[in-house]
């Protein structure tokens, strides 16, 4: 790939804003959601992760399919009585969510969002304004936008 092509790709990624490609309907969950309910949510909507929000809609974490995989690989956790448990205690989203959440704004260039996603190995990136979720952007959104947009 020539340098001219890289420059064109860079320009294209900087012209597109996150607001142009984000999903405006962000599915969220609460810290009190059970792990089984979370798994059903991810499967029902065919998504790989969801922001975790407090009662006043502030992001307090994020939980992904990778977190569910980690539970399946850990011998400490059991599936019992229809719930994921650790030492007889039902697990909730708050027990496994990542609390250090990276996010972007509506005006963030796609180039910067993509760089953050790559650098931090992020698949699901909340879009926020005044600490409230306005949308969500995933790797699939980035790929669709980049390869579908011929400009």
N, C-alpha and C. Protein backbone atom coordinates (compact mmCIF):
# COMPACT_ATOMS: atom_id res chain seq x y z
N UNK A 1 0.85 -1.17 0.00
CA UNK A 1 0.00 0.00 0.00
C UNK A 1 0.89 1.23 0.00
N UNK A 2 0.69 2.10 -0.99
CA UNK A 2 1.50 3.30 -1.12
C UNK A 2 1.14 4.36 -0.10
N UNK A 3 2.06 5.29 0.08
CA UNK A 3 1.86 6.38 1.05
C UNK A 3 0.66 7.24 0.65
N UNK A 4 0.44 7.41 -0.65
CA UNK A 4 -0.71 8.21 -1.11
C UNK A 4 -2.02 7.57 -0.66
N UNK A 5 -2.07 6.27 -0.76
CA UNK A 5 -3.27 5.54 -0.34
C UNK A 5 -3.50 5.68 1.17
N UNK A 6 -2.43 5.61 1.95
CA UNK A 6 -2.55 5.78 3.40
C UNK A 6 -3.03 7.18 3.75
N UNK A 7 -2.56 8.17 3.03
CA UNK A 7 -2.98 9.55 3.26
C UNK A 7 -4.47 9.69 2.96
N UNK A 8 -4.93 9.08 1.88
CA UNK A 8 -6.36 9.14 1.52
C UNK A 8 -7.22 8.45 2.58
N UNK A 9 -6.77 7.30 3.06
CA UNK A 9 -7.50 6.58 4.11
C UNK A 9 -7.58 7.45 5.36
N UNK A 10 -6.47 8.05 5.74
CA UNK A 10 -6.41 8.92 6.91
C UNK A 10 -7.40 10.07 6.76
N UNK A 11 -7.42 10.72 5.59
CA UNK A 11 -8.35 11.83 5.33
C UNK A 11 -9.79 11.37 5.46
N UNK A 12 -10.09 10.22 4.88
CA UNK A 12 -11.45 9.68 4.91
C UNK A 12 -11.90 9.43 6.36
N UNK A 13 -11.02 8.83 7.15
CA UNK A 13 -11.36 8.53 8.54
C UNK A 13 -11.51 9.79 9.39
N UNK A 14 -10.82 10.84 9.03
CA UNK A 14 -10.93 12.10 9.78
C UNK A 14 -12.17 12.89 9.39
N UNK A 15 -12.69 12.69 8.18
CA UNK A 15 -13.90 13.39 7.73
C UNK A 15 -15.16 12.83 8.38
N UNK A 16 -15.18 11.55 8.65
CA UNK A 16 -16.36 10.90 9.22
C UNK A 16 -16.37 11.12 10.73
N UNK A 17 -17.48 11.58 11.24
CA UNK A 17 -17.65 11.77 12.69
C UNK A 17 -18.36 10.55 13.27
N UNK A 18 -18.10 10.28 14.53
CA UNK A 18 -18.74 9.15 15.22
C UNK A 18 -20.26 9.24 15.08
N UNK A 19 -20.81 10.46 15.21
CA UNK A 19 -22.27 10.63 15.11
C UNK A 19 -22.83 10.16 13.77
N UNK A 20 -21.99 10.17 12.72
CA UNK A 20 -22.44 9.76 11.39
C UNK A 20 -22.68 8.25 11.29
N UNK A 21 -22.04 7.48 12.14
CA UNK A 21 -22.13 6.02 11.98
C UNK A 21 -22.59 5.27 13.23
N UNK A 22 -22.69 5.96 14.36
CA UNK A 22 -23.04 5.28 15.60
C UNK A 22 -24.48 4.77 15.57
N UNK A 23 -24.74 3.77 16.37
CA UNK A 23 -26.10 3.32 16.61
C UNK A 23 -26.69 4.25 17.67
N UNK A 24 -27.78 4.89 17.34
CA UNK A 24 -28.37 5.86 18.27
C UNK A 24 -29.19 5.19 19.37
N UNK A 25 -29.52 3.95 19.17
CA UNK A 25 -30.24 3.19 20.19
C UNK A 25 -29.21 2.32 20.91
N UNK A 26 -28.77 2.78 22.06
CA UNK A 26 -27.77 2.04 22.82
C UNK A 26 -28.46 1.16 23.85
N UNK A 27 -28.29 -0.13 23.70
CA UNK A 27 -28.82 -1.06 24.68
C UNK A 27 -27.89 -1.01 25.88
N UNK A 28 -28.46 -0.86 27.06
CA UNK A 28 -27.67 -0.78 28.28
C UNK A 28 -28.19 -1.81 29.28
N UNK A 29 -27.44 -1.95 30.35
CA UNK A 29 -27.87 -2.83 31.44
C UNK A 29 -27.52 -2.14 32.75
N UNK A 30 -27.99 -2.71 33.83
CA UNK A 30 -27.70 -2.14 35.15
C UNK A 30 -26.72 -3.03 35.90
N UNK A 31 -26.08 -2.50 36.92
CA UNK A 31 -25.16 -3.31 37.73
C UNK A 31 -25.85 -4.49 38.39
N UNK A 32 -27.16 -4.40 38.61
CA UNK A 32 -27.91 -5.44 39.32
C UNK A 32 -28.44 -6.54 38.40
N UNK A 33 -28.15 -6.48 37.11
CA UNK A 33 -28.59 -7.51 36.16
C UNK A 33 -27.82 -8.80 36.44
N UNK A 34 -28.52 -9.92 36.45
CA UNK A 34 -27.83 -11.20 36.66
C UNK A 34 -27.02 -11.55 35.41
N UNK A 35 -26.02 -12.37 35.58
CA UNK A 35 -25.17 -12.80 34.47
C UNK A 35 -26.00 -13.56 33.44
N UNK A 36 -26.95 -14.37 33.88
CA UNK A 36 -27.80 -15.10 32.94
C UNK A 36 -28.65 -14.14 32.12
N UNK A 37 -29.21 -13.11 32.76
CA UNK A 37 -30.00 -12.12 32.03
C UNK A 37 -29.13 -11.35 31.05
N UNK A 38 -27.91 -11.05 31.45
CA UNK A 38 -26.97 -10.39 30.54
C UNK A 38 -26.71 -11.26 29.31
N UNK A 39 -26.44 -12.52 29.54
CA UNK A 39 -26.18 -13.44 28.41
C UNK A 39 -27.36 -13.47 27.46
N UNK A 40 -28.56 -13.52 28.01
CA UNK A 40 -29.77 -13.53 27.17
C UNK A 40 -29.90 -12.21 26.39
N UNK A 41 -29.56 -11.10 27.02
CA UNK A 41 -29.61 -9.80 26.36
C UNK A 41 -28.65 -9.74 25.17
N UNK A 42 -27.42 -10.19 25.38
CA UNK A 42 -26.43 -10.19 24.30
C UNK A 42 -26.87 -11.10 23.15
N UNK A 43 -27.42 -12.25 23.48
CA UNK A 43 -27.87 -13.18 22.44
C UNK A 43 -29.10 -12.65 21.71
N UNK A 44 -30.05 -12.11 22.44
CA UNK A 44 -31.30 -11.63 21.82
C UNK A 44 -31.03 -10.52 20.81
N UNK A 45 -30.14 -9.58 21.16
CA UNK A 45 -29.87 -8.46 20.27
C UNK A 45 -28.65 -8.66 19.37
N UNK A 46 -28.00 -9.83 19.52
CA UNK A 46 -26.82 -10.16 18.71
C UNK A 46 -25.75 -9.06 18.80
N UNK A 47 -25.42 -8.73 20.04
CA UNK A 47 -24.41 -7.70 20.31
C UNK A 47 -23.30 -8.30 21.16
N UNK A 48 -22.16 -7.64 21.17
CA UNK A 48 -21.01 -8.20 21.88
C UNK A 48 -20.71 -7.51 23.21
N UNK A 49 -21.44 -6.46 23.52
CA UNK A 49 -21.21 -5.79 24.78
C UNK A 49 -22.21 -4.69 25.02
N UNK A 50 -22.35 -4.29 26.28
CA UNK A 50 -23.27 -3.22 26.65
C UNK A 50 -22.68 -2.35 27.75
N UNK A 51 -22.95 -1.05 27.67
CA UNK A 51 -22.59 -0.18 28.79
C UNK A 51 -23.46 -0.50 30.00
N UNK A 52 -22.90 -0.33 31.17
CA UNK A 52 -23.62 -0.52 32.42
C UNK A 52 -23.90 0.89 32.96
N UNK A 53 -25.18 1.17 33.23
CA UNK A 53 -25.55 2.52 33.68
C UNK A 53 -26.22 2.47 35.04
N UNK A 54 -26.01 3.55 35.79
CA UNK A 54 -26.65 3.70 37.10
C UNK A 54 -28.11 4.10 36.90
N UNK A 55 -28.83 4.22 38.00
CA UNK A 55 -30.24 4.62 37.92
C UNK A 55 -30.42 5.99 37.29
N UNK A 56 -29.42 6.88 37.44
CA UNK A 56 -29.52 8.20 36.83
C UNK A 56 -28.85 8.26 35.45
N UNK A 57 -28.67 7.08 34.83
CA UNK A 57 -28.21 6.93 33.44
C UNK A 57 -26.74 7.32 33.21
N UNK A 58 -25.94 7.33 34.26
CA UNK A 58 -24.51 7.60 34.15
C UNK A 58 -23.78 6.27 33.94
N UNK A 59 -22.81 6.25 33.02
CA UNK A 59 -22.05 5.02 32.77
C UNK A 59 -21.17 4.71 33.97
N UNK A 60 -21.31 3.48 34.47
CA UNK A 60 -20.50 3.04 35.61
C UNK A 60 -19.61 1.86 35.23
N UNK A 61 -19.78 1.33 34.02
CA UNK A 61 -18.98 0.20 33.58
C UNK A 61 -19.38 -0.25 32.20
N UNK A 62 -18.74 -1.31 31.76
CA UNK A 62 -19.08 -1.94 30.49
C UNK A 62 -18.85 -3.43 30.67
N UNK A 63 -19.67 -4.23 30.02
CA UNK A 63 -19.55 -5.68 30.13
C UNK A 63 -19.70 -6.26 28.73
N UNK A 64 -18.88 -7.26 28.42
CA UNK A 64 -18.84 -7.80 27.06
C UNK A 64 -18.94 -9.33 27.06
N UNK A 65 -19.08 -9.84 25.86
CA UNK A 65 -19.10 -11.30 25.69
C UNK A 65 -17.79 -11.91 26.17
N UNK A 66 -16.70 -11.19 26.05
CA UNK A 66 -15.41 -11.68 26.54
C UNK A 66 -15.47 -11.93 28.04
N UNK A 67 -16.15 -11.06 28.76
CA UNK A 67 -16.30 -11.26 30.21
C UNK A 67 -17.08 -12.55 30.50
N UNK A 68 -18.09 -12.83 29.68
CA UNK A 68 -18.84 -14.07 29.85
C UNK A 68 -17.98 -15.29 29.51
N UNK A 69 -17.14 -15.17 28.47
CA UNK A 69 -16.22 -16.26 28.13
C UNK A 69 -15.28 -16.55 29.29
N UNK A 70 -14.78 -15.48 29.92
CA UNK A 70 -13.86 -15.65 31.04
C UNK A 70 -14.50 -16.46 32.17
N UNK A 71 -15.78 -16.20 32.44
CA UNK A 71 -16.49 -16.96 33.47
C UNK A 71 -16.56 -18.43 33.09
N UNK A 72 -16.87 -18.70 31.82
CA UNK A 72 -17.00 -20.09 31.37
C UNK A 72 -15.68 -20.84 31.49
N UNK A 73 -14.57 -20.12 31.43
CA UNK A 73 -13.25 -20.73 31.48
C UNK A 73 -12.73 -20.86 32.91
N UNK A 74 -13.39 -20.25 33.86
CA UNK A 74 -12.92 -20.25 35.25
C UNK A 74 -13.67 -21.33 36.04
N UNK A 75 -12.93 -22.23 36.64
CA UNK A 75 -13.52 -23.37 37.34
C UNK A 75 -14.22 -22.97 38.65
N UNK A 76 -14.05 -21.74 39.11
CA UNK A 76 -14.67 -21.30 40.36
C UNK A 76 -16.18 -21.08 40.17
N UNK A 77 -16.57 -20.70 38.96
CA UNK A 77 -17.97 -20.37 38.70
C UNK A 77 -18.76 -21.60 38.31
N UNK A 78 -20.04 -21.63 38.74
CA UNK A 78 -20.93 -22.75 38.43
C UNK A 78 -22.24 -22.21 37.90
N UNK A 79 -22.88 -23.01 37.09
CA UNK A 79 -24.24 -22.72 36.66
C UNK A 79 -25.15 -23.57 37.53
N UNK A 80 -25.90 -22.91 38.39
CA UNK A 80 -26.74 -23.63 39.34
C UNK A 80 -28.06 -22.89 39.51
N UNK A 81 -29.15 -23.65 39.50
CA UNK A 81 -30.50 -23.08 39.64
C UNK A 81 -30.75 -21.97 38.62
N UNK A 82 -30.23 -22.16 37.41
CA UNK A 82 -30.46 -21.18 36.34
C UNK A 82 -29.70 -19.89 36.49
N UNK A 83 -28.70 -19.86 37.38
CA UNK A 83 -27.90 -18.64 37.59
C UNK A 83 -26.42 -18.98 37.66
N UNK A 84 -25.59 -18.02 37.25
CA UNK A 84 -24.14 -18.18 37.39
C UNK A 84 -23.79 -17.82 38.83
N UNK A 85 -23.08 -18.74 39.49
CA UNK A 85 -22.76 -18.54 40.90
C UNK A 85 -21.27 -18.74 41.16
N UNK A 86 -20.82 -18.08 42.20
CA UNK A 86 -19.46 -18.27 42.71
C UNK A 86 -19.59 -18.53 44.20
N UNK A 87 -19.16 -19.73 44.63
CA UNK A 87 -19.27 -20.12 46.04
C UNK A 87 -20.69 -19.96 46.57
N UNK A 88 -21.68 -20.34 45.75
CA UNK A 88 -23.07 -20.29 46.16
C UNK A 88 -23.72 -18.92 46.06
N UNK A 89 -22.98 -17.91 45.63
CA UNK A 89 -23.51 -16.55 45.52
C UNK A 89 -23.79 -16.23 44.06
N UNK A 90 -25.01 -15.77 43.76
CA UNK A 90 -25.37 -15.40 42.39
C UNK A 90 -24.53 -14.21 41.96
N UNK A 91 -24.00 -14.28 40.72
CA UNK A 91 -23.19 -13.18 40.19
C UNK A 91 -24.04 -12.21 39.39
N UNK A 92 -23.68 -10.95 39.49
CA UNK A 92 -24.37 -9.88 38.78
C UNK A 92 -23.36 -9.14 37.91
N UNK A 93 -23.88 -8.31 37.03
CA UNK A 93 -23.03 -7.53 36.14
C UNK A 93 -21.98 -6.76 36.94
N UNK A 94 -22.37 -6.17 38.06
CA UNK A 94 -21.44 -5.38 38.88
C UNK A 94 -20.22 -6.20 39.33
N UNK A 95 -20.36 -7.52 39.37
CA UNK A 95 -19.27 -8.38 39.81
C UNK A 95 -18.22 -8.62 38.73
N UNK A 96 -18.59 -8.42 37.47
CA UNK A 96 -17.64 -8.74 36.38
C UNK A 96 -17.37 -7.58 35.43
N UNK A 97 -18.12 -6.47 35.56
CA UNK A 97 -17.98 -5.36 34.60
C UNK A 97 -16.62 -4.69 34.73
N UNK A 98 -16.18 -4.11 33.64
CA UNK A 98 -14.98 -3.29 33.63
C UNK A 98 -15.42 -1.88 34.02
N UNK A 99 -14.77 -1.32 35.02
CA UNK A 99 -15.20 -0.02 35.53
C UNK A 99 -14.52 1.16 34.84
N UNK A 100 -13.36 0.92 34.24
CA UNK A 100 -12.65 1.98 33.53
C UNK A 100 -13.13 1.99 32.08
N UNK A 101 -14.14 2.80 31.80
CA UNK A 101 -14.79 2.80 30.49
C UNK A 101 -14.22 3.91 29.62
N UNK A 102 -13.77 3.54 28.43
CA UNK A 102 -13.35 4.52 27.44
C UNK A 102 -14.58 4.90 26.63
N UNK A 103 -14.68 6.17 26.25
CA UNK A 103 -15.82 6.61 25.46
C UNK A 103 -15.36 7.71 24.51
N UNK A 104 -16.26 8.06 23.59
CA UNK A 104 -16.02 9.14 22.64
C UNK A 104 -17.25 10.03 22.62
N UNK A 105 -17.16 11.17 21.93
CA UNK A 105 -18.30 12.06 21.78
C UNK A 105 -18.83 11.97 20.35
N UNK A 106 -19.96 12.59 20.11
CA UNK A 106 -20.55 12.62 18.78
C UNK A 106 -19.60 13.21 17.74
N UNK A 107 -18.81 14.19 18.16
CA UNK A 107 -17.93 14.91 17.23
C UNK A 107 -16.55 14.29 17.05
N UNK A 108 -16.27 13.22 17.75
CA UNK A 108 -14.98 12.54 17.62
C UNK A 108 -14.82 12.03 16.19
N UNK A 109 -13.69 12.36 15.54
CA UNK A 109 -13.46 11.79 14.20
C UNK A 109 -13.33 10.27 14.28
N UNK A 110 -13.80 9.59 13.26
CA UNK A 110 -13.71 8.14 13.21
C UNK A 110 -12.27 7.68 13.36
N UNK A 111 -11.31 8.44 12.82
CA UNK A 111 -9.90 8.09 12.95
C UNK A 111 -9.52 7.92 14.42
N UNK A 112 -9.94 8.87 15.26
CA UNK A 112 -9.59 8.82 16.70
C UNK A 112 -10.31 7.68 17.41
N UNK A 113 -11.57 7.44 17.06
CA UNK A 113 -12.30 6.33 17.66
C UNK A 113 -11.66 5.00 17.28
N UNK A 114 -11.31 4.87 16.01
CA UNK A 114 -10.67 3.64 15.53
C UNK A 114 -9.33 3.42 16.23
N UNK A 115 -8.56 4.46 16.37
CA UNK A 115 -7.26 4.35 17.05
C UNK A 115 -7.45 3.90 18.50
N UNK A 116 -8.43 4.48 19.19
CA UNK A 116 -8.72 4.08 20.57
C UNK A 116 -9.14 2.61 20.63
N UNK A 117 -10.00 2.21 19.72
CA UNK A 117 -10.47 0.82 19.70
C UNK A 117 -9.32 -0.15 19.48
N UNK A 118 -8.42 0.21 18.59
CA UNK A 118 -7.27 -0.67 18.30
C UNK A 118 -6.29 -0.67 19.47
N UNK A 119 -5.93 0.53 19.94
CA UNK A 119 -4.93 0.63 21.02
C UNK A 119 -5.37 -0.06 22.31
N UNK A 120 -6.66 0.02 22.62
CA UNK A 120 -7.17 -0.53 23.88
C UNK A 120 -7.92 -1.84 23.70
N UNK A 121 -7.92 -2.38 22.48
CA UNK A 121 -8.61 -3.63 22.15
C UNK A 121 -10.08 -3.58 22.56
N UNK A 122 -10.75 -2.51 22.13
CA UNK A 122 -12.15 -2.26 22.46
C UNK A 122 -13.02 -2.67 21.28
N UNK A 123 -14.10 -3.38 21.56
CA UNK A 123 -15.07 -3.77 20.53
C UNK A 123 -16.33 -2.92 20.59
N UNK A 124 -16.66 -2.42 21.76
CA UNK A 124 -17.87 -1.64 21.98
C UNK A 124 -17.49 -0.35 22.68
N UNK A 125 -17.81 0.77 22.04
CA UNK A 125 -17.38 2.07 22.54
C UNK A 125 -18.60 2.98 22.73
N UNK A 126 -18.93 3.33 23.98
CA UNK A 126 -20.06 4.24 24.20
C UNK A 126 -19.76 5.64 23.66
N UNK A 127 -20.82 6.28 23.16
CA UNK A 127 -20.74 7.67 22.71
C UNK A 127 -21.51 8.47 23.75
N UNK A 128 -20.86 9.49 24.34
CA UNK A 128 -21.47 10.22 25.44
C UNK A 128 -21.50 11.73 25.20
N UNK A 129 -22.45 12.35 25.85
CA UNK A 129 -22.56 13.80 25.90
C UNK A 129 -23.04 14.14 27.31
N UNK A 130 -22.30 14.97 28.01
CA UNK A 130 -22.64 15.31 29.40
C UNK A 130 -22.85 14.07 30.26
N UNK A 131 -21.98 13.10 30.12
CA UNK A 131 -21.98 11.85 30.88
C UNK A 131 -23.16 10.93 30.59
N UNK A 132 -24.01 11.26 29.62
CA UNK A 132 -25.12 10.39 29.24
C UNK A 132 -24.84 9.77 27.88
N UNK A 133 -25.28 8.55 27.72
CA UNK A 133 -25.07 7.83 26.46
C UNK A 133 -25.99 8.40 25.38
N UNK A 134 -25.38 8.77 24.25
CA UNK A 134 -26.16 9.23 23.10
C UNK A 134 -26.15 8.19 21.99
N UNK A 135 -25.28 7.20 22.13
CA UNK A 135 -25.19 6.14 21.13
C UNK A 135 -24.08 5.18 21.48
N UNK A 136 -23.81 4.32 20.52
CA UNK A 136 -22.75 3.33 20.73
C UNK A 136 -22.14 3.03 19.37
N UNK A 137 -20.85 2.76 19.37
CA UNK A 137 -20.16 2.41 18.14
C UNK A 137 -19.39 1.12 18.38
N UNK A 138 -19.52 0.21 17.46
CA UNK A 138 -18.82 -1.06 17.55
C UNK A 138 -17.92 -1.25 16.34
N UNK A 139 -17.09 -2.25 16.41
CA UNK A 139 -16.18 -2.52 15.28
C UNK A 139 -16.95 -2.78 14.00
N UNK A 140 -18.09 -3.42 14.10
CA UNK A 140 -18.90 -3.69 12.91
C UNK A 140 -19.35 -2.37 12.26
N UNK A 141 -19.72 -1.38 13.08
CA UNK A 141 -20.12 -0.07 12.56
C UNK A 141 -18.98 0.59 11.79
N UNK A 142 -17.77 0.50 12.34
CA UNK A 142 -16.61 1.10 11.70
C UNK A 142 -16.34 0.42 10.36
N UNK A 143 -16.36 -0.90 10.35
CA UNK A 143 -16.11 -1.65 9.10
C UNK A 143 -17.18 -1.33 8.07
N UNK A 144 -18.45 -1.33 8.47
CA UNK A 144 -19.53 -1.01 7.54
C UNK A 144 -19.36 0.38 6.95
N UNK A 145 -19.05 1.34 7.79
CA UNK A 145 -18.90 2.71 7.32
C UNK A 145 -17.73 2.86 6.37
N UNK A 146 -16.62 2.29 6.74
CA UNK A 146 -15.40 2.47 5.95
C UNK A 146 -15.52 1.81 4.59
N UNK A 147 -15.98 0.59 4.56
CA UNK A 147 -16.01 -0.15 3.30
C UNK A 147 -17.25 0.13 2.46
N UNK A 148 -18.33 0.62 3.09
CA UNK A 148 -19.54 0.93 2.31
C UNK A 148 -19.47 2.32 1.70
N UNK A 149 -18.74 3.23 2.35
CA UNK A 149 -18.65 4.61 1.92
C UNK A 149 -17.51 4.75 0.91
N UNK A 150 -17.85 5.01 -0.34
CA UNK A 150 -16.84 5.05 -1.41
C UNK A 150 -16.22 6.43 -1.58
N UNK A 151 -16.64 7.44 -0.80
CA UNK A 151 -16.11 8.80 -0.95
C UNK A 151 -14.64 8.88 -0.65
